[in-house]
Amino acid sequence: MAFTSSNQGNDRYYNNADSFAMAFDDKWKSFSSQPNKSVTSKEEKIKIILSEIKDHPFLNEYPREAKKIAEFRLRLLKLD
């Protein structure tokens, strides 16, 4: 089952880890590409990104797992 949000355009969110990882990666890259962001700690950035995708069904149902996946993605892709 797909979930859509009115602020997503044509993007679809699915209640699974893969969909969450893709949404997190997209938001992380978008956030990181903004030149005037003064956030320096990785933990603070994670909190901001998670708040931006707060409507994601996987994040809502499995918040601890979602945070672990976010941290894993950052280590895996060497994103800081």
Protein backbone atom coordinates (compact mmCIF):
# COMPACT_ATOMS: atom_id res chain seq x y z
CA MET A 1 0.00 0.00 0.00
CA ALA A 2 1.38 3.39 -0.97
CA PHE A 3 0.99 6.52 1.09
CA THR A 4 1.24 9.95 -0.40
CA SER A 5 1.61 13.31 1.22
CA SER A 6 0.26 16.53 -0.19
CA ASN A 7 3.71 18.16 -0.04
CA GLN A 8 5.47 15.42 -1.93
CA GLY A 9 4.34 15.96 -5.46
CA ASN A 10 4.35 12.61 -7.23
CA ASP A 11 6.54 10.79 -4.71
CA ARG A 12 5.09 7.74 -2.99
CA TYR A 13 6.02 6.40 0.39
CA TYR A 14 5.72 2.72 1.22
CA ASN A 15 5.75 1.30 4.72
CA ASN A 16 9.11 -0.45 4.40
CA ALA A 17 12.76 0.20 5.11
CA ASP A 18 13.75 0.63 1.46
CA SER A 19 11.21 3.37 0.88
CA PHE A 20 12.34 5.08 4.08
CA ALA A 21 16.01 4.85 3.08
CA MET A 22 15.30 6.41 -0.31
CA ALA A 23 13.29 9.25 1.25
CA PHE A 24 16.00 9.85 3.86
CA ASP A 25 18.78 9.86 1.25
CA ASP A 26 16.90 12.34 -0.95
CA LYS A 27 16.24 14.73 1.93
CA TRP A 28 19.82 14.40 3.24
CA LYS A 29 21.28 15.27 -0.17
CA SER A 30 18.87 18.16 -0.59
CA PHE A 31 19.66 19.51 2.88
CA SER A 32 23.42 19.09 2.42
CA SER A 33 23.38 20.94 -0.89
CA GLN A 34 21.96 24.10 0.69
CA PRO A 35 24.94 26.43 1.19
CA ASN A 36 23.73 28.44 4.16
CA LYS A 37 22.90 25.62 6.58
CA SER A 38 24.78 26.20 9.83
CA VAL A 39 24.01 22.80 11.33
CA THR A 40 27.26 21.04 12.04
CA SER A 41 26.54 17.91 14.07
CA LYS A 42 25.45 14.78 12.29
CA GLU A 43 22.94 14.02 15.06
CA GLU A 44 21.31 17.42 14.62
CA LYS A 45 21.10 16.92 10.85
CA ILE A 46 19.47 13.52 11.35
CA LYS A 47 16.83 15.08 13.62
CA ILE A 48 16.10 17.77 11.04
CA ILE A 49 15.79 15.28 8.19
CA LEU A 50 13.57 12.95 10.21
CA SER A 51 11.30 15.88 11.03
CA GLU A 52 11.09 16.72 7.32
CA ILE A 53 9.87 13.21 6.49
CA LYS A 54 7.75 12.81 9.64
CA ASP A 55 4.79 11.60 7.57
CA HIS A 56 6.67 8.57 6.26
CA PRO A 57 4.73 5.47 7.36
CA PHE A 58 7.86 3.46 8.25
CA LEU A 59 9.17 6.27 10.44
CA ASN A 60 5.80 6.54 12.18
CA GLU A 61 5.46 2.82 12.81
CA TYR A 62 9.13 1.99 13.54
CA PRO A 63 10.86 5.17 14.77
CA ARG A 64 13.82 3.41 16.42
CA GLU A 65 14.51 1.25 13.39
CA ALA A 66 14.17 4.26 11.10
CA LYS A 67 16.79 6.16 13.07
CA LYS A 68 19.13 3.15 12.96
CA ILE A 69 18.64 2.93 9.20
CA ALA A 70 19.41 6.63 8.84
CA GLU A 71 22.64 6.25 10.81
CA PHE A 72 23.56 3.15 8.81
CA ARG A 73 22.95 4.96 5.50
CA LEU A 74 25.28 7.76 6.56
CA ARG A 75 28.03 5.27 7.45
CA LEU A 76 27.43 3.19 4.32
CA LEU A 77 27.51 6.14 1.94
CA LYS A 78 30.12 8.04 3.98
CA LEU A 79 27.86 11.07 4.20
CA ASP A 80 28.66 13.55 6.95
